[in-house]
Amino acid sequence: MKKGILILGILLTIMIIGCGGDEETTTEPDDQMVTSTGDMKTDDTDNQPTDDTDEDGDDGTEEVVEEPEEIVPPEKEYFTGALTGHADNIYSVAFSPDGDLLASGSYDFTARLWDTSDGTEIHALTGHTNLVRCVAFSPDGTMLATASFDQTARLWDTSNGSEIRSLTGHTNWVGYVAFHPDGDILATCSADRSIRLWNPNDGSEIRTITGHTDVARSLSFSPDGTMLASSSYDDTVRLWNVSDGTEIRVFTGHTHDVNCVTLSGWQHPRKCKH
């Protein structure tokens, strides 16, 4: 009996141990699954960006942005050749500020306006009773001034060629005309040795400047409009204050007539911007 009980106890012990072994066996697949899941997660890194690609998918290559092509307007074509129409010597020519017109003054007592694109004559300006010695456009190109041996300077409308007004006052031939940079003053000089400043808008004389001892031959305003230079057959160049007509200085050294003068882009200190 005791022997039978002992055998039964051994069998029960074996069964209990067997059940425990089964439990350990069932946990092994779970561990394997965890390991497999870990492997799967590791495998997912193949789908992640590589070292050459950032989180936004940028592979580091700089994107080339093409700039819009600059639109360059075609260059203006100018006429090249002879402009014919004057009946005598041509003494003076000048381009309009925009380059569309060319003015010429002649011994045939006329000034003419030409189209620079094709060389055609636009207007013949008639009215002077002696040769036209000088032509000059206003800064805005709407007027043309002419100087003549008939002792006058005249202003013309460039749009239609009509005479706006005649400026009288000189007592000998007028050899030069020049517009102030602002266009609100016209300067003339004459064989009567004087320089005169005019208001081109109403024809009134602003002032007469004297000092030369022979023919006043040419004129040039400074770019800032504060000074006026003049040359003369008295062998000098003189510099004048535009605001009051006073002489600033005399340049001597020439031994004969000074036919032309021009001022560079220098600005008077009072007009310089710092």
Protein backbone atom coordinates (compact mmCIF):
# COMPACT_ATOMS: atom_id res chain seq x y z
CA MET A 1 0.00 0.00 0.00
CA LYS A 2 2.76 2.32 0.97
CA LYS A 3 4.60 1.32 -2.16
CA GLY A 4 1.57 2.19 -4.25
CA ILE A 5 1.25 5.59 -2.63
CA LEU A 6 4.95 6.28 -3.30
CA ILE A 7 4.55 5.43 -6.98
CA LEU A 8 1.47 7.68 -7.21
CA GLY A 9 3.42 10.56 -5.65
CA ILE A 10 6.25 10.13 -8.13
CA LEU A 11 3.78 10.19 -11.02
CA LEU A 12 2.15 13.36 -9.72
CA THR A 13 5.55 15.01 -9.33
CA ILE A 14 6.42 14.10 -12.90
CA MET A 15 3.13 15.58 -14.16
CA ILE A 16 3.65 18.81 -12.23
CA ILE A 17 7.14 19.14 -13.64
CA GLY A 18 5.76 18.40 -17.08
CA CYS A 19 3.18 21.16 -16.75
CA GLY A 20 5.84 23.61 -15.70
CA GLY A 21 7.92 22.68 -18.69
CA ASP A 22 4.97 23.30 -20.94
CA GLU A 23 4.55 26.80 -19.52
CA GLU A 24 8.22 27.61 -20.19
CA THR A 25 7.83 26.21 -23.67
CA THR A 26 4.85 28.44 -24.41
CA THR A 27 6.79 31.52 -23.38
CA GLU A 28 9.55 30.86 -25.88
CA PRO A 29 7.44 31.75 -28.93
CA ASP A 30 6.52 35.07 -27.19
CA ASP A 31 10.18 35.89 -26.76
CA GLN A 32 10.74 34.92 -30.35
CA MET A 33 7.91 37.19 -31.44
CA VAL A 34 9.39 40.07 -29.52
CA THR A 35 12.71 39.41 -31.14
CA SER A 36 11.09 39.19 -34.54
CA THR A 37 9.16 42.41 -33.95
CA GLY A 38 12.40 44.11 -33.00
CA ASP A 39 13.92 42.78 -36.18
CA MET A 40 11.01 44.17 -38.17
CA LYS A 41 11.45 47.57 -36.59
CA THR A 42 15.10 47.44 -37.41
CA ASP A 43 14.26 46.52 -40.99
CA ASP A 44 11.98 49.59 -41.24
CA THR A 45 15.07 51.80 -41.10
CA ASP A 46 15.60 50.87 -44.72
CA ASN A 47 12.66 53.11 -45.53
CA GLN A 48 14.00 56.04 -43.48
CA PRO A 49 15.98 58.91 -45.12
CA THR A 50 19.64 58.12 -45.62
CA ASP A 51 22.46 60.27 -44.30
CA ASP A 52 22.32 62.30 -47.56
CA THR A 53 18.68 63.27 -47.07
CA ASP A 54 17.29 65.51 -44.34
CA GLU A 55 13.91 65.14 -42.66
CA ASP A 56 12.25 67.23 -45.39
CA GLY A 57 13.54 64.96 -48.09
CA ASP A 58 16.23 67.45 -49.20
CA ASP A 59 19.22 65.59 -50.55
CA GLY A 60 21.48 68.63 -50.05
CA THR A 61 21.64 69.58 -53.73
CA GLU A 62 21.27 73.35 -54.17
CA GLU A 63 18.32 74.25 -56.33
CA VAL A 64 19.25 76.48 -59.25
CA VAL A 65 16.75 79.30 -59.67
CA GLU A 66 16.79 80.83 -63.10
CA GLU A 67 16.62 84.61 -63.04
CA PRO A 68 14.17 86.20 -65.47
CA GLU A 69 15.81 87.33 -68.65
CA GLU A 70 16.47 91.06 -68.68
CA ILE A 71 14.50 92.84 -71.36
CA VAL A 72 16.82 95.22 -73.17
CA PRO A 73 15.05 97.78 -75.33
CA PRO A 74 16.33 97.89 -78.87
CA GLU A 75 18.91 100.54 -79.54
CA LYS A 76 17.63 103.57 -81.38
CA GLU A 77 18.70 103.60 -84.98
CA TYR A 78 20.01 106.90 -86.27
CA PHE A 79 20.26 108.14 -89.79
CA THR A 80 23.74 108.34 -91.22
CA GLY A 81 24.36 110.44 -94.28
CA ALA A 82 24.08 114.00 -95.54
CA LEU A 83 21.19 116.26 -94.57
CA THR A 84 20.47 118.51 -97.45
CA GLY A 85 18.16 121.52 -97.60
CA HIS A 86 20.13 124.61 -96.53
CA ALA A 87 21.11 126.98 -99.31
CA ASP A 88 24.32 128.26 -97.70
CA ASN A 89 26.97 127.46 -95.10
CA ILE A 90 25.81 125.78 -91.88
CA TYR A 91 27.36 127.37 -88.81
CA SER A 92 25.79 125.54 -85.86
CA VAL A 93 24.14 122.22 -85.01
CA ALA A 94 22.63 120.80 -81.81
CA PHE A 95 20.83 117.60 -80.73
CA SER A 96 17.61 117.70 -78.74
CA PRO A 97 17.87 116.25 -75.20
CA ASP A 98 16.17 113.00 -76.26
CA GLY A 99 18.23 112.73 -79.44
CA ASP A 100 15.17 112.61 -81.69
CA LEU A 101 15.84 115.97 -83.34
CA LEU A 102 18.81 117.75 -84.83
CA ALA A 103 18.76 121.52 -85.29
CA SER A 104 20.97 123.42 -87.70
CA GLY A 105 21.56 127.13 -88.25
CA SER A 106 22.73 128.54 -91.55
CA TYR A 107 23.94 131.55 -93.46
CA ASP A 108 20.75 131.20 -95.51
CA PHE A 109 18.96 132.99 -92.61
CA THR A 110 17.11 129.80 -91.52
CA ALA A 111 17.27 127.15 -88.87
CA ARG A 112 16.02 123.67 -89.62
CA LEU A 113 14.83 120.70 -87.57
CA TRP A 114 15.64 117.18 -88.74
CA ASP A 115 14.42 113.73 -87.74
CA THR A 116 17.51 111.81 -86.60
CA SER A 117 15.93 108.41 -87.34
CA ASP A 118 15.62 108.91 -91.09
CA GLY A 119 17.21 112.28 -91.89
CA THR A 120 14.03 113.94 -93.08
CA GLU A 121 13.51 117.66 -92.60
CA ILE A 122 10.67 118.31 -90.16
CA HIS A 123 10.53 122.11 -90.06
CA ALA A 124 12.29 125.06 -91.68
CA LEU A 125 12.34 127.96 -89.19
CA THR A 126 12.13 131.23 -91.06
CA GLY A 127 12.02 134.75 -89.66
CA HIS A 128 15.60 135.93 -89.17
CA THR A 129 16.78 138.60 -91.59
CA ASN A 130 20.44 137.67 -91.42
CA LEU A 131 22.56 134.56 -90.90
CA VAL A 132 21.83 132.22 -87.97
CA ARG A 133 24.99 131.83 -85.93
CA CYS A 134 23.90 129.51 -83.09
CA VAL A 135 21.11 127.07 -82.13
CA ALA A 136 20.31 125.57 -78.70
CA PHE A 137 17.52 123.36 -77.33
CA SER A 138 15.81 124.01 -74.00
CA PRO A 139 16.43 121.28 -71.39
CA ASP A 140 12.97 119.79 -71.98
CA GLY A 141 13.33 119.99 -75.75
CA THR A 142 10.14 121.99 -76.30
CA MET A 143 11.91 125.16 -77.46
CA LEU A 144 14.79 126.00 -79.75
CA ALA A 145 16.72 129.26 -79.37
CA THR A 146 18.57 130.85 -82.26
CA ALA A 147 21.11 133.68 -82.40
CA SER A 148 21.45 135.82 -85.51
CA PHE A 149 23.41 138.59 -87.12
CA ASP A 150 20.11 140.49 -87.32
CA GLN A 151 20.84 141.47 -83.64
CA THR A 152 18.06 139.25 -82.27
CA ALA A 153 17.65 135.92 -80.57
CA ARG A 154 14.47 134.00 -81.28
CA LEU A 155 12.55 131.20 -79.61
CA TRP A 156 10.75 128.51 -81.59
CA ASP A 157 8.23 125.79 -80.77
CA THR A 158 9.89 122.51 -81.75
CA SER A 159 6.56 120.70 -82.11
CA ASN A 160 5.35 122.81 -85.03
CA GLY A 161 8.23 125.11 -85.97
CA SER A 162 6.38 128.31 -85.14
CA GLU A 163 8.15 131.35 -83.72
CA ILE A 164 7.29 131.95 -80.07
CA ARG A 165 8.99 135.34 -79.64
CA SER A 166 11.89 137.53 -80.68
CA LEU A 167 14.29 138.88 -78.04
CA THR A 168 15.54 142.36 -78.89
CA GLY A 169 17.96 144.60 -77.02
CA HIS A 170 21.43 143.86 -78.35
CA THR A 171 22.90 146.57 -80.58
CA ASN A 172 25.10 144.31 -82.69
CA TRP A 173 25.03 140.74 -83.98
CA VAL A 174 24.17 137.99 -81.52
CA GLY A 175 26.62 135.14 -81.67
CA TYR A 176 25.55 132.66 -79.02
CA VAL A 177 22.57 131.38 -77.02
CA ALA A 178 22.57 129.06 -74.00
CA PHE A 179 19.82 127.74 -71.72
CA HIS A 180 20.17 127.57 -67.95
CA PRO A 181 20.02 123.92 -66.72
CA ASP A 182 16.59 124.60 -65.22
CA GLY A 183 15.34 126.08 -68.49
CA ASP A 184 14.11 129.26 -66.82
CA ILE A 185 16.88 131.54 -68.14
CA LEU A 186 18.26 132.08 -71.64
CA ALA A 187 21.66 133.75 -71.98
CA THR A 188 22.79 135.58 -75.12
CA CYS A 189 26.06 137.31 -76.00
CA SER A 190 26.82 139.80 -78.71
CA ALA A 191 29.34 141.78 -80.69
CA ASP A 192 28.10 144.72 -78.62
CA ARG A 193 30.33 143.19 -75.87
CA SER A 194 27.43 142.47 -73.53
CA ILE A 195 25.76 139.38 -72.14
CA ARG A 196 22.03 139.40 -71.49
CA LEU A 197 19.85 137.10 -69.43
CA TRP A 198 16.24 136.58 -70.47
CA ASN A 199 13.13 134.87 -69.20
CA PRO A 200 12.26 132.54 -72.11
CA ASN A 201 8.69 132.14 -70.92
CA ASP A 202 7.70 135.78 -71.33
CA GLY A 203 10.66 137.32 -73.19
CA SER A 204 11.52 139.82 -70.48
CA GLU A 205 15.15 140.80 -69.93
CA ILE A 206 16.42 139.84 -66.48
CA ARG A 207 19.73 141.71 -66.56
CA THR A 208 22.60 142.90 -68.74
CA ILE A 209 26.14 141.79 -67.85
CA THR A 210 29.08 143.91 -68.99
CA GLY A 211 32.84 143.66 -68.61
CA HIS A 212 34.26 142.32 -71.85
CA THR A 213 36.15 144.87 -73.96
CA ASP A 214 35.49 143.18 -77.31
CA VAL A 215 32.99 140.79 -78.90
CA ALA A 216 31.44 138.39 -76.36
CA ARG A 217 31.64 135.17 -78.34
CA SER A 218 30.32 132.13 -76.40
CA LEU A 219 28.63 131.09 -73.16
CA SER A 220 28.34 128.12 -70.83
CA PHE A 221 26.31 127.63 -67.63
CA SER A 222 27.72 125.56 -64.80
CA PRO A 223 25.71 122.33 -64.28
CA ASP A 224 24.28 123.68 -61.01
CA GLY A 225 23.28 126.93 -62.72
CA THR A 226 25.05 129.23 -60.28
CA MET A 227 27.72 130.48 -62.68
CA LEU A 228 28.01 131.56 -66.30
CA ALA A 229 31.26 131.48 -68.25
CA SER A 230 31.89 133.64 -71.32
CA SER A 231 34.65 133.88 -73.89
CA SER A 232 35.58 136.97 -75.86
CA TYR A 233 37.66 138.46 -78.62
CA ASP A 234 39.36 140.43 -75.83
CA ASP A 235 41.45 137.25 -75.28
CA THR A 236 39.81 136.45 -71.93
CA VAL A 237 37.40 134.05 -70.31
CA ARG A 238 35.22 135.43 -67.54
CA LEU A 239 33.14 133.83 -64.84
CA TRP A 240 29.91 135.47 -63.67
CA ASN A 241 27.50 135.02 -60.78
CA VAL A 242 24.11 134.23 -62.34
CA SER A 243 22.08 135.47 -59.38
CA ASP A 244 23.33 139.06 -59.52
CA GLY A 245 25.48 139.32 -62.67
CA THR A 246 28.69 140.18 -60.81
CA GLU A 247 32.05 139.12 -62.19
CA ILE A 248 33.68 136.36 -60.16
CA ARG A 249 37.06 136.26 -61.93
CA VAL A 250 38.92 136.80 -65.22
CA PHE A 251 41.07 134.13 -66.85
CA THR A 252 43.92 135.53 -68.95
CA GLY A 253 46.64 133.86 -70.97
CA HIS A 254 45.27 133.61 -74.50
CA THR A 255 46.92 135.90 -77.00
CA HIS A 256 44.05 136.03 -79.47
CA ASP A 257 40.29 135.65 -79.76
CA VAL A 258 38.69 133.03 -77.48
CA ASN A 259 35.92 131.51 -79.58
CA CYS A 260 34.39 128.92 -77.25
CA VAL A 261 34.13 128.04 -73.57
CA THR A 262 32.49 125.23 -71.61
CA LEU A 263 32.23 124.37 -67.93
CA SER A 264 32.71 120.83 -66.64
CA GLY A 265 30.50 119.04 -64.11
CA TRP A 266 32.08 120.79 -61.11
CA GLN A 267 29.54 122.05 -58.58
CA HIS A 268 29.78 125.18 -56.50
CA PRO A 269 30.35 124.25 -52.81
CA ARG A 270 27.06 125.90 -51.86
CA LYS A 271 25.23 123.45 -54.08
CA CYS A 272 27.17 120.30 -53.19
CA LYS A 273 25.29 117.63 -51.26
CA HIS A 274 27.23 116.01 -48.43
